Amino acid sequence: MRRGFKTEAERLADRVRGETGLQPAEPTDIRALAQHLNIEVVSADQLVDECKLRQLNEAQDGAFSAATFHISEDRVVIVCNPLNDAARTNSDIAHEVAHILLRHQVREVQTIGGHIFFACDSDQEEEANWLGGCLLLPRKLLLREAFSDATPEEVAAKYQVSQQMARFRLNASGVKLQVQRARQTRSRTRRT
């Protein structure tokens, strides 16, 4: 990831969330945020038979989570996999919204189980993962949860994200370390 991107992504997420009226520590309804950005979210089983989605999952589990289609200049559609649970789907939609906000372009063509997929390069995927996490679990929300000793499992359940996403954001954002240091400082201050 390019230098300074994480800070930029946190600010971008705060700005976009603020445009929808969300407070800094308020949970994100990612579908409402997508709608605010004029992005349609459609379940893939509305477009293809669900048995084809199951066949793809059998060919390679997790091969298709979500994809973005730029139908026209003013119509963008995210198609998500209905076979995934709600927490995973929220993360997938946030990831795709992040690609859109960052104006990422398709860079690679991949074939999985006879199906052709278009993907961004690994740097762009990493950026979309980070920004998607910022949209779902902004830093101020994470700080509040970390100060209340919420576990990644509790954060995941409360905000309908995957446990992996909650653990990643709590650790990679530096929030857990920040809370630990604040508590150590308070403890030293009380002793003196």
N, C-alpha and C. Protein backbone atom coordinates (compact mmCIF):
# COMPACT_ATOMS: atom_id res chain seq x y z
N MET A 1 0.84 -1.17 0.00
CA MET A 1 0.00 0.00 0.00
C MET A 1 0.89 1.24 0.00
N ARG A 2 0.48 2.20 -0.78
CA ARG A 2 1.30 3.40 -0.87
C ARG A 2 1.30 4.16 0.46
N ARG A 3 2.37 4.86 0.69
CA ARG A 3 2.57 5.62 1.92
C ARG A 3 1.44 6.64 2.11
N GLY A 4 0.88 6.67 3.30
CA GLY A 4 -0.17 7.62 3.64
C GLY A 4 -1.58 7.17 3.27
N PHE A 5 -1.69 6.02 2.58
CA PHE A 5 -3.02 5.61 2.13
C PHE A 5 -3.97 5.32 3.29
N LYS A 6 -3.48 4.67 4.34
CA LYS A 6 -4.37 4.29 5.45
C LYS A 6 -5.02 5.52 6.08
N THR A 7 -4.24 6.57 6.28
CA THR A 7 -4.78 7.81 6.85
C THR A 7 -5.79 8.44 5.89
N GLU A 8 -5.46 8.46 4.60
CA GLU A 8 -6.38 9.00 3.60
C GLU A 8 -7.68 8.21 3.59
N ALA A 9 -7.58 6.90 3.69
CA ALA A 9 -8.77 6.04 3.67
C ALA A 9 -9.65 6.29 4.88
N GLU A 10 -9.03 6.45 6.05
CA GLU A 10 -9.82 6.74 7.26
C GLU A 10 -10.58 8.05 7.08
N ARG A 11 -9.92 9.06 6.52
CA ARG A 11 -10.57 10.37 6.29
C ARG A 11 -11.67 10.27 5.25
N LEU A 12 -11.41 9.54 4.17
CA LEU A 12 -12.41 9.37 3.13
C LEU A 12 -13.64 8.65 3.69
N ALA A 13 -13.42 7.61 4.45
CA ALA A 13 -14.55 6.88 5.06
C ALA A 13 -15.35 7.79 5.98
N ASP A 14 -14.65 8.58 6.80
CA ASP A 14 -15.35 9.52 7.69
C ASP A 14 -16.18 10.52 6.89
N ARG A 15 -15.60 11.03 5.80
CA ARG A 15 -16.30 12.02 4.98
C ARG A 15 -17.54 11.42 4.33
N VAL A 16 -17.39 10.24 3.72
CA VAL A 16 -18.51 9.59 3.03
C VAL A 16 -19.60 9.22 4.03
N ARG A 17 -19.19 8.67 5.17
CA ARG A 17 -20.17 8.32 6.20
C ARG A 17 -20.88 9.59 6.70
N GLY A 18 -20.14 10.67 6.88
CA GLY A 18 -20.72 11.93 7.34
C GLY A 18 -21.74 12.48 6.36
N GLU A 19 -21.48 12.30 5.06
CA GLU A 19 -22.42 12.76 4.04
C GLU A 19 -23.77 12.07 4.16
N THR A 20 -23.80 10.87 4.72
CA THR A 20 -25.06 10.15 4.89
C THR A 20 -25.72 10.47 6.22
N GLY A 21 -25.06 11.31 7.03
CA GLY A 21 -25.62 11.69 8.32
C GLY A 21 -25.17 10.82 9.48
N LEU A 22 -24.28 9.87 9.22
CA LEU A 22 -23.78 9.00 10.29
C LEU A 22 -22.82 9.76 11.19
N GLN A 23 -22.94 9.53 12.48
CA GLN A 23 -22.00 10.07 13.45
C GLN A 23 -20.72 9.23 13.40
N PRO A 24 -19.58 9.78 13.84
CA PRO A 24 -18.30 9.06 13.72
C PRO A 24 -18.27 7.65 14.34
N ALA A 25 -19.01 7.43 15.42
CA ALA A 25 -18.97 6.11 16.06
C ALA A 25 -20.25 5.31 15.83
N GLU A 26 -21.06 5.74 14.86
CA GLU A 26 -22.33 5.06 14.57
C GLU A 26 -22.11 3.92 13.57
N PRO A 27 -22.84 2.80 13.73
CA PRO A 27 -22.68 1.69 12.79
C PRO A 27 -23.12 2.06 11.37
N THR A 28 -22.55 1.37 10.40
CA THR A 28 -22.82 1.63 8.99
C THR A 28 -23.78 0.59 8.43
N ASP A 29 -24.84 1.05 7.81
CA ASP A 29 -25.68 0.19 6.98
C ASP A 29 -25.10 0.33 5.58
N ILE A 30 -24.30 -0.64 5.17
CA ILE A 30 -23.53 -0.51 3.93
C ILE A 30 -24.44 -0.42 2.71
N ARG A 31 -25.61 -1.05 2.76
CA ARG A 31 -26.54 -0.95 1.63
C ARG A 31 -27.11 0.46 1.52
N ALA A 32 -27.40 1.09 2.66
CA ALA A 32 -27.89 2.47 2.65
C ALA A 32 -26.80 3.42 2.17
N LEU A 33 -25.56 3.15 2.57
CA LEU A 33 -24.44 3.97 2.11
C LEU A 33 -24.28 3.83 0.60
N ALA A 34 -24.39 2.60 0.09
CA ALA A 34 -24.30 2.38 -1.37
C ALA A 34 -25.43 3.13 -2.08
N GLN A 35 -26.63 3.06 -1.53
CA GLN A 35 -27.76 3.75 -2.15
C GLN A 35 -27.51 5.26 -2.16
N HIS A 36 -26.97 5.79 -1.07
CA HIS A 36 -26.64 7.22 -1.00
C HIS A 36 -25.67 7.61 -2.12
N LEU A 37 -24.76 6.70 -2.45
CA LEU A 37 -23.77 6.94 -3.50
C LEU A 37 -24.31 6.62 -4.89
N ASN A 38 -25.62 6.31 -4.96
CA ASN A 38 -26.27 5.97 -6.22
C ASN A 38 -25.73 4.67 -6.81
N ILE A 39 -25.45 3.72 -5.94
CA ILE A 39 -24.97 2.40 -6.35
C ILE A 39 -26.05 1.39 -6.02
N GLU A 40 -26.47 0.63 -7.03
CA GLU A 40 -27.46 -0.42 -6.80
C GLU A 40 -26.75 -1.66 -6.26
N VAL A 41 -27.41 -2.38 -5.36
CA VAL A 41 -26.89 -3.66 -4.87
C VAL A 41 -27.92 -4.72 -5.22
N VAL A 42 -27.46 -5.74 -5.96
CA VAL A 42 -28.35 -6.78 -6.45
C VAL A 42 -27.79 -8.14 -6.06
N SER A 43 -28.67 -9.03 -5.65
CA SER A 43 -28.27 -10.40 -5.35
C SER A 43 -28.09 -11.16 -6.67
N ALA A 44 -27.02 -11.91 -6.80
CA ALA A 44 -26.71 -12.61 -8.05
C ALA A 44 -27.80 -13.58 -8.46
N ASP A 45 -28.56 -14.12 -7.49
CA ASP A 45 -29.62 -15.08 -7.86
C ASP A 45 -30.80 -14.39 -8.55
N GLN A 46 -30.79 -13.06 -8.61
CA GLN A 46 -31.79 -12.34 -9.40
C GLN A 46 -31.39 -12.29 -10.87
N LEU A 47 -30.12 -12.63 -11.14
CA LEU A 47 -29.60 -12.55 -12.50
C LEU A 47 -29.31 -13.91 -13.12
N VAL A 48 -28.89 -14.86 -12.30
CA VAL A 48 -28.59 -16.22 -12.78
C VAL A 48 -29.20 -17.23 -11.82
N ASP A 49 -29.41 -18.42 -12.31
CA ASP A 49 -29.97 -19.47 -11.48
C ASP A 49 -29.04 -19.79 -10.31
N GLU A 50 -29.60 -19.96 -9.13
CA GLU A 50 -28.79 -20.22 -7.94
C GLU A 50 -27.94 -21.49 -8.07
N CYS A 51 -28.41 -22.47 -8.84
CA CYS A 51 -27.61 -23.70 -9.00
C CYS A 51 -26.28 -23.41 -9.69
N LYS A 52 -26.24 -22.41 -10.57
CA LYS A 52 -24.97 -22.04 -11.21
C LYS A 52 -24.02 -21.42 -10.19
N LEU A 53 -24.56 -20.65 -9.24
CA LEU A 53 -23.73 -20.08 -8.18
C LEU A 53 -23.19 -21.19 -7.29
N ARG A 54 -24.02 -22.19 -7.01
CA ARG A 54 -23.56 -23.33 -6.20
C ARG A 54 -22.46 -24.11 -6.93
N GLN A 55 -22.62 -24.28 -8.24
CA GLN A 55 -21.60 -24.97 -9.03
C GLN A 55 -20.27 -24.21 -8.97
N LEU A 56 -20.34 -22.91 -9.06
CA LEU A 56 -19.13 -22.09 -8.98
C LEU A 56 -18.49 -22.24 -7.60
N ASN A 57 -19.29 -22.21 -6.56
CA ASN A 57 -18.75 -22.40 -5.20
C ASN A 57 -18.11 -23.77 -5.05
N GLU A 58 -18.69 -24.78 -5.68
CA GLU A 58 -18.10 -26.12 -5.62
C GLU A 58 -16.78 -26.18 -6.38
N ALA A 59 -16.71 -25.46 -7.51
CA ALA A 59 -15.47 -25.43 -8.30
C ALA A 59 -14.36 -24.77 -7.52
N GLN A 60 -14.69 -23.68 -6.82
CA GLN A 60 -13.71 -23.00 -5.96
C GLN A 60 -14.48 -22.17 -4.94
N ASP A 61 -14.48 -22.67 -3.72
CA ASP A 61 -15.19 -21.98 -2.65
C ASP A 61 -14.68 -20.56 -2.50
N GLY A 62 -15.59 -19.60 -2.47
CA GLY A 62 -15.20 -18.20 -2.32
C GLY A 62 -14.74 -17.53 -3.60
N ALA A 63 -14.90 -18.21 -4.74
CA ALA A 63 -14.44 -17.63 -6.01
C ALA A 63 -15.22 -16.36 -6.36
N PHE A 64 -16.50 -16.33 -5.99
CA PHE A 64 -17.30 -15.15 -6.28
C PHE A 64 -17.97 -14.66 -5.01
N SER A 65 -17.63 -13.45 -4.63
CA SER A 65 -18.26 -12.82 -3.48
C SER A 65 -19.12 -11.66 -3.94
N ALA A 66 -18.54 -10.78 -4.74
CA ALA A 66 -19.25 -9.63 -5.27
C ALA A 66 -18.47 -9.08 -6.45
N ALA A 67 -19.17 -8.36 -7.30
CA ALA A 67 -18.54 -7.74 -8.46
C ALA A 67 -19.27 -6.44 -8.77
N THR A 68 -18.55 -5.50 -9.35
CA THR A 68 -19.12 -4.21 -9.72
C THR A 68 -19.23 -4.12 -11.23
N PHE A 69 -20.38 -3.62 -11.67
CA PHE A 69 -20.62 -3.42 -13.10
C PHE A 69 -20.97 -1.96 -13.33
N HIS A 70 -20.23 -1.34 -14.22
CA HIS A 70 -20.51 0.04 -14.62
C HIS A 70 -21.37 -0.07 -15.88
N ILE A 71 -22.69 -0.02 -15.68
CA ILE A 71 -23.64 -0.23 -16.77
C ILE A 71 -23.64 0.96 -17.72
N SER A 72 -23.61 2.15 -17.16
CA SER A 72 -23.52 3.39 -17.93
C SER A 72 -22.83 4.42 -17.05
N GLU A 73 -22.69 5.62 -17.55
CA GLU A 73 -22.02 6.66 -16.76
C GLU A 73 -22.70 6.91 -15.43
N ASP A 74 -24.02 6.78 -15.40
CA ASP A 74 -24.75 7.09 -14.17
C ASP A 74 -25.40 5.86 -13.52
N ARG A 75 -25.00 4.67 -13.95
CA ARG A 75 -25.56 3.46 -13.33
C ARG A 75 -24.44 2.47 -13.00
N VAL A 76 -24.28 2.26 -11.68
CA VAL A 76 -23.29 1.30 -11.18
C VAL A 76 -24.04 0.28 -10.34
N VAL A 77 -23.73 -1.00 -10.57
CA VAL A 77 -24.41 -2.08 -9.87
C VAL A 77 -23.38 -3.00 -9.23
N ILE A 78 -23.58 -3.28 -7.96
CA ILE A 78 -22.78 -4.30 -7.27
C ILE A 78 -23.64 -5.55 -7.19
N VAL A 79 -23.10 -6.64 -7.67
CA VAL A 79 -23.80 -7.93 -7.61
C VAL A 79 -23.09 -8.77 -6.55
N CYS A 80 -23.87 -9.26 -5.57
CA CYS A 80 -23.26 -10.03 -4.48
C CYS A 80 -23.80 -11.46 -4.46
N ASN A 81 -23.03 -12.32 -3.85
CA ASN A 81 -23.34 -13.75 -3.78
C ASN A 81 -24.32 -14.01 -2.64
N PRO A 82 -25.53 -14.48 -2.94
CA PRO A 82 -26.52 -14.74 -1.90
C PRO A 82 -26.20 -15.97 -1.05
N LEU A 83 -25.21 -16.74 -1.45
CA LEU A 83 -24.84 -17.94 -0.70
C LEU A 83 -23.97 -17.60 0.51
N ASN A 84 -23.43 -16.39 0.55
CA ASN A 84 -22.62 -15.96 1.69
C ASN A 84 -23.52 -15.45 2.81
N ASP A 85 -23.02 -15.52 4.05
CA ASP A 85 -23.80 -15.00 5.17
C ASP A 85 -23.82 -13.47 5.14
N ALA A 86 -24.69 -12.88 5.95
CA ALA A 86 -24.89 -11.42 5.95
C ALA A 86 -23.61 -10.67 6.29
N ALA A 87 -22.85 -11.16 7.25
CA ALA A 87 -21.61 -10.48 7.64
C ALA A 87 -20.62 -10.45 6.49
N ARG A 88 -20.46 -11.56 5.83
CA ARG A 88 -19.56 -11.63 4.68
C ARG A 88 -20.05 -10.72 3.56
N THR A 89 -21.36 -10.73 3.32
CA THR A 89 -21.93 -9.91 2.25
C THR A 89 -21.71 -8.43 2.54
N ASN A 90 -21.87 -8.01 3.79
CA ASN A 90 -21.61 -6.61 4.15
C ASN A 90 -20.16 -6.23 3.83
N SER A 91 -19.23 -7.11 4.17
CA SER A 91 -17.82 -6.85 3.87
C SER A 91 -17.58 -6.80 2.36
N ASP A 92 -18.22 -7.71 1.63
CA ASP A 92 -18.06 -7.74 0.18
C ASP A 92 -18.59 -6.46 -0.48
N ILE A 93 -19.76 -6.00 -0.02
CA ILE A 93 -20.33 -4.78 -0.58
C ILE A 93 -19.42 -3.59 -0.24
N ALA A 94 -18.95 -3.52 1.00
CA ALA A 94 -18.05 -2.43 1.41
C ALA A 94 -16.78 -2.44 0.56
N HIS A 95 -16.26 -3.62 0.27
CA HIS A 95 -15.06 -3.76 -0.56
C HIS A 95 -15.32 -3.19 -1.96
N GLU A 96 -16.46 -3.54 -2.54
CA GLU A 96 -16.80 -3.05 -3.88
C GLU A 96 -17.05 -1.54 -3.87
N VAL A 97 -17.73 -1.03 -2.84
CA VAL A 97 -17.93 0.41 -2.71
C VAL A 97 -16.57 1.11 -2.64
N ALA A 98 -15.63 0.51 -1.92
CA ALA A 98 -14.29 1.08 -1.82
C ALA A 98 -13.62 1.18 -3.19
N HIS A 99 -13.72 0.11 -3.98
CA HIS A 99 -13.16 0.16 -5.34
C HIS A 99 -13.75 1.34 -6.12
N ILE A 100 -15.06 1.54 -5.98
CA ILE A 100 -15.74 2.62 -6.70
C ILE A 100 -15.24 3.98 -6.21
N LEU A 101 -15.20 4.16 -4.90
CA LEU A 101 -14.75 5.43 -4.33
C LEU A 101 -13.31 5.75 -4.73
N LEU A 102 -12.49 4.71 -4.84
CA LEU A 102 -11.08 4.89 -5.20
C LEU A 102 -10.86 4.92 -6.71
N ARG A 103 -11.92 4.75 -7.47
CA ARG A 103 -11.87 4.77 -8.94
C ARG A 103 -10.88 3.76 -9.50
N HIS A 104 -10.88 2.57 -8.90
CA HIS A 104 -10.00 1.51 -9.39
C HIS A 104 -10.50 0.99 -10.73
N GLN A 105 -9.56 0.57 -11.55
CA GLN A 105 -9.87 0.02 -12.86
C GLN A 105 -9.51 -1.46 -12.89
N VAL A 106 -10.25 -2.22 -13.69
CA VAL A 106 -9.97 -3.65 -13.87
C VAL A 106 -8.59 -3.81 -14.48
N ARG A 107 -7.80 -4.72 -13.92
CA ARG A 107 -6.43 -4.91 -14.39
C ARG A 107 -6.13 -6.33 -14.84
N GLU A 108 -6.88 -7.31 -14.32
CA GLU A 108 -6.56 -8.71 -14.60
C GLU A 108 -7.80 -9.47 -15.07
N VAL A 109 -7.59 -10.49 -15.87
CA VAL A 109 -8.64 -11.41 -16.26
C VAL A 109 -8.25 -12.76 -15.70
N GLN A 110 -9.20 -13.38 -14.95
CA GLN A 110 -8.95 -14.69 -14.35
C GLN A 110 -10.04 -15.65 -14.79
N THR A 111 -9.70 -16.93 -14.93
CA THR A 111 -10.68 -17.96 -15.24
C THR A 111 -10.71 -18.96 -14.10
N ILE A 112 -11.91 -19.17 -13.55
CA ILE A 112 -12.09 -20.11 -12.45
C ILE A 112 -13.27 -20.99 -12.78
N GLY A 113 -13.04 -22.29 -12.82
CA GLY A 113 -14.13 -23.24 -13.11
C GLY A 113 -14.83 -22.95 -14.42
N GLY A 114 -14.09 -22.47 -15.41
CA GLY A 114 -14.67 -22.18 -16.71
C GLY A 114 -15.37 -20.83 -16.78
N HIS A 115 -15.35 -20.07 -15.69
CA HIS A 115 -15.99 -18.75 -15.65
C HIS A 115 -14.90 -17.68 -15.70
N ILE A 116 -15.14 -16.63 -16.45
CA ILE A 116 -14.17 -15.55 -16.59
C ILE A 116 -14.50 -14.44 -15.60
N PHE A 117 -13.48 -13.97 -14.88
CA PHE A 117 -13.63 -12.88 -13.91
C PHE A 117 -12.62 -11.79 -14.24
N PHE A 118 -13.03 -10.56 -13.99
CA PHE A 118 -12.14 -9.42 -14.14
C PHE A 118 -11.81 -8.94 -12.74
N ALA A 119 -10.57 -8.63 -12.48
CA ALA A 119 -10.15 -8.24 -11.14
C ALA A 119 -9.16 -7.08 -11.19
N CYS A 120 -9.06 -6.41 -10.06
CA CYS A 120 -8.05 -5.35 -9.90
C CYS A 120 -6.74 -5.99 -9.47
N ASP A 121 -5.65 -5.25 -9.57
CA ASP A 121 -4.37 -5.80 -9.15
C ASP A 121 -4.31 -5.88 -7.62
N SER A 122 -3.29 -6.54 -7.12
CA SER A 122 -3.20 -6.82 -5.68
C SER A 122 -3.10 -5.56 -4.83
N ASP A 123 -2.43 -4.53 -5.32
CA ASP A 123 -2.35 -3.27 -4.55
C ASP A 123 -3.73 -2.64 -4.40
N GLN A 124 -4.49 -2.65 -5.49
CA GLN A 124 -5.84 -2.09 -5.43
C GLN A 124 -6.75 -2.93 -4.54
N GLU A 125 -6.58 -4.23 -4.56
CA GLU A 125 -7.37 -5.11 -3.68
C GLU A 125 -7.07 -4.79 -2.22
N GLU A 126 -5.80 -4.58 -1.91
CA GLU A 126 -5.39 -4.25 -0.55
C GLU A 126 -6.00 -2.91 -0.12
N GLU A 127 -5.98 -1.93 -1.01
CA GLU A 127 -6.57 -0.63 -0.71
C GLU A 127 -8.08 -0.76 -0.48
N ALA A 128 -8.75 -1.53 -1.33
CA ALA A 128 -10.20 -1.72 -1.18
C ALA A 128 -10.53 -2.45 0.12
N ASN A 129 -9.69 -3.41 0.50
CA ASN A 129 -9.89 -4.10 1.78
C ASN A 129 -9.80 -3.11 2.94
N TRP A 130 -8.79 -2.25 2.89
CA TRP A 130 -8.58 -1.30 3.98
C TRP A 130 -9.74 -0.29 4.05
N LEU A 131 -10.08 0.33 2.91
CA LEU A 131 -11.15 1.32 2.91
C LEU A 131 -12.49 0.67 3.24
N GLY A 132 -12.74 -0.52 2.74
CA GLY A 132 -13.99 -1.21 3.08
C GLY A 132 -14.11 -1.40 4.58
N GLY A 133 -13.01 -1.77 5.23
CA GLY A 133 -13.00 -1.91 6.68
C GLY A 133 -13.25 -0.59 7.38
N CYS A 134 -12.68 0.48 6.85
CA CYS A 134 -12.90 1.82 7.43
C CYS A 134 -14.36 2.23 7.33
N LEU A 135 -15.00 1.88 6.22
CA LEU A 135 -16.41 2.22 6.04
C LEU A 135 -17.29 1.48 7.05
N LEU A 136 -17.00 0.21 7.26
CA LEU A 136 -17.82 -0.61 8.16
C LEU A 136 -17.51 -0.39 9.63
N LEU A 137 -16.22 -0.26 9.94
CA LEU A 137 -15.78 -0.13 11.33
C LEU A 137 -14.82 1.07 11.43
N PRO A 138 -15.38 2.27 11.45
CA PRO A 138 -14.52 3.46 11.53
C PRO A 138 -13.75 3.50 12.85
N ARG A 139 -12.66 4.19 12.81
CA ARG A 139 -11.73 4.24 13.95
C ARG A 139 -12.40 4.66 15.27
N LYS A 140 -13.24 5.69 15.25
CA LYS A 140 -13.88 6.16 16.49
C LYS A 140 -14.80 5.10 17.07
N LEU A 141 -15.49 4.37 16.23
CA LEU A 141 -16.33 3.26 16.68
C LEU A 141 -15.45 2.18 17.31
N LEU A 142 -14.34 1.86 16.65
CA LEU A 142 -13.43 0.84 17.18
C LEU A 142 -12.85 1.25 18.52
N LEU A 143 -12.50 2.52 18.65
CA LEU A 143 -11.96 3.01 19.94
C LEU A 143 -12.98 2.82 21.06
N ARG A 144 -14.22 3.18 20.78
CA ARG A 144 -15.27 3.02 21.79
C ARG A 144 -15.40 1.55 22.20
N GLU A 145 -15.40 0.67 21.22
CA GLU A 145 -15.54 -0.76 21.51
C GLU A 145 -14.30 -1.31 22.24
N ALA A 146 -13.13 -0.88 21.84
CA ALA A 146 -11.90 -1.36 22.48
C ALA A 146 -11.82 -0.88 23.93
N PHE A 147 -12.23 0.37 24.20
CA PHE A 147 -12.22 0.87 25.57
C PHE A 147 -13.25 0.15 26.44
N SER A 148 -14.28 -0.41 25.82
CA SER A 148 -15.26 -1.17 26.59
C SER A 148 -14.91 -2.66 26.65
N ASP A 149 -13.69 -3.00 26.17
CA ASP A 149 -13.17 -4.37 26.19
C ASP A 149 -13.97 -5.36 25.35
N ALA A 150 -14.60 -4.88 24.28
CA ALA A 150 -15.33 -5.76 23.37
C ALA A 150 -14.35 -6.67 22.64
N THR A 151 -14.71 -7.92 22.51
CA THR A 151 -13.89 -8.88 21.77
C THR A 151 -14.19 -8.74 20.27
N PRO A 152 -13.31 -9.25 19.42
CA PRO A 152 -13.61 -9.23 17.99
C PRO A 152 -14.94 -9.93 17.68
N GLU A 153 -15.24 -10.98 18.40
CA GLU A 153 -16.49 -11.71 18.18
C GLU A 153 -17.70 -10.83 18.51
N GLU A 154 -17.59 -10.07 19.59
CA GLU A 154 -18.68 -9.17 19.99
C GLU A 154 -18.84 -8.03 18.99
N VAL A 155 -17.73 -7.48 18.55
CA VAL A 155 -17.77 -6.41 17.55
C VAL A 155 -18.40 -6.93 16.26
N ALA A 156 -18.00 -8.12 15.84
CA ALA A 156 -18.53 -8.72 14.61
C ALA A 156 -20.05 -8.89 14.71
N ALA A 157 -20.51 -9.44 15.80
CA ALA A 157 -21.95 -9.66 15.97
C ALA A 157 -22.72 -8.35 16.04
N LYS A 158 -22.19 -7.40 16.76
CA LYS A 158 -22.87 -6.11 16.96
C LYS A 158 -23.01 -5.32 15.67
N TYR A 159 -21.98 -5.37 14.82
CA TYR A 159 -21.96 -4.54 13.61
C TYR A 159 -22.14 -5.33 12.32
N GLN A 160 -22.50 -6.60 12.44
CA GLN A 160 -22.77 -7.48 11.30
C GLN A 160 -21.64 -7.49 10.28
N VAL A 161 -20.44 -7.74 10.80
CA VAL A 161 -19.27 -7.94 9.95
C VAL A 161 -18.68 -9.29 10.33
N SER A 162 -17.78 -9.79 9.53
CA SER A 162 -17.15 -11.07 9.85
C SER A 162 -16.20 -10.90 11.04
N GLN A 163 -15.98 -11.98 11.76
CA GLN A 163 -15.03 -11.95 12.87
C GLN A 163 -13.64 -11.60 12.36
N GLN A 164 -13.32 -12.09 11.17
CA GLN A 164 -12.03 -11.79 10.56
C GLN A 164 -11.89 -10.28 10.34
N MET A 165 -12.95 -9.63 9.85
CA MET A 165 -12.92 -8.18 9.63
C MET A 165 -12.76 -7.45 10.95
N ALA A 166 -13.52 -7.84 11.96
CA ALA A 166 -13.44 -7.17 13.27
C ALA A 166 -12.05 -7.32 13.86
N ARG A 167 -11.49 -8.51 13.82
CA ARG A 167 -10.15 -8.76 14.36
C ARG A 167 -9.11 -7.94 13.60
N PHE A 168 -9.22 -7.95 12.28
CA PHE A 168 -8.29 -7.20 11.44
C PHE A 168 -8.31 -5.72 11.78
N ARG A 169 -9.51 -5.13 11.83
CA ARG A 169 -9.61 -3.68 12.09
C ARG A 169 -9.13 -3.32 13.49
N LEU A 170 -9.47 -4.14 14.49
CA LEU A 170 -9.02 -3.85 15.85
C LEU A 170 -7.50 -3.88 15.96
N ASN A 171 -6.89 -4.81 15.25
CA ASN A 171 -5.43 -4.95 15.32
C ASN A 171 -4.70 -4.01 14.35
N ALA A 172 -5.05 -4.07 13.08
CA ALA A 172 -4.30 -3.34 12.05
C ALA A 172 -4.48 -1.83 12.15
N SER A 173 -5.59 -1.38 12.70
CA SER A 173 -5.82 0.06 12.82
C SER A 173 -5.00 0.67 13.96
N GLY A 174 -4.44 -0.18 14.81
CA GLY A 174 -3.68 0.31 15.95
C GLY A 174 -4.53 0.67 17.16
N VAL A 175 -5.83 0.44 17.07
CA VAL A 175 -6.74 0.80 18.15
C VAL A 175 -6.44 0.03 19.43
N LYS A 176 -6.21 -1.26 19.32
CA LYS A 176 -5.93 -2.05 20.53
C LYS A 176 -4.67 -1.54 21.24
N LEU A 177 -3.65 -1.24 20.48
CA LEU A 177 -2.41 -0.71 21.04
C LEU A 177 -2.65 0.67 21.67
N GLN A 178 -3.41 1.51 21.01
CA GLN A 178 -3.72 2.84 21.53
C GLN A 178 -4.46 2.73 22.87
N VAL A 179 -5.41 1.83 22.97
CA VAL A 179 -6.16 1.64 24.22
C VAL A 179 -5.24 1.10 25.31
N GLN A 180 -4.40 0.15 24.95
CA GLN A 180 -3.45 -0.42 25.92
C GLN A 180 -2.53 0.67 26.47
N ARG A 181 -2.00 1.50 25.61
CA ARG A 181 -1.10 2.58 26.06
C ARG A 181 -1.85 3.60 26.92
N ALA A 182 -3.06 3.92 26.55
CA ALA A 182 -3.86 4.88 27.34
C ALA A 182 -4.10 4.33 28.74
N ARG A 183 -4.38 3.05 28.83
CA ARG A 183 -4.61 2.43 30.14
C ARG A 183 -3.33 2.39 30.97
N GLN A 184 -2.20 2.13 30.32
CA GLN A 184 -0.93 2.13 31.04
C GLN A 184 -0.60 3.52 31.57
N THR A 185 -0.86 4.52 30.76
CA THR A 185 -0.63 5.91 31.19
C THR A 185 -1.52 6.25 32.36
N ARG A 186 -2.79 5.90 32.32
CA ARG A 186 -3.71 6.15 33.43
C ARG A 186 -3.26 5.44 34.70
N SER A 187 -2.81 4.23 34.52
CA SER A 187 -2.36 3.42 35.67
C SER A 187 -1.15 4.06 36.33
N ARG A 188 -0.19 4.52 35.52
CA ARG A 188 1.00 5.19 36.07
C ARG A 188 0.62 6.49 36.75
N THR A 189 -0.31 7.23 36.17
CA THR A 189 -0.75 8.51 36.74
C THR A 189 -1.41 8.31 38.10
N ARG A 190 -2.22 7.26 38.22
CA ARG A 190 -2.90 6.98 39.48
C ARG A 190 -1.93 6.61 40.59
N ARG A 191 -0.84 5.94 40.22
CA ARG A 191 0.15 5.50 41.23
C ARG A 191 1.00 6.63 41.74
N THR A 192 1.09 7.72 41.00
CA THR A 192 1.95 8.82 41.44
C THR A 192 1.20 9.87 42.20
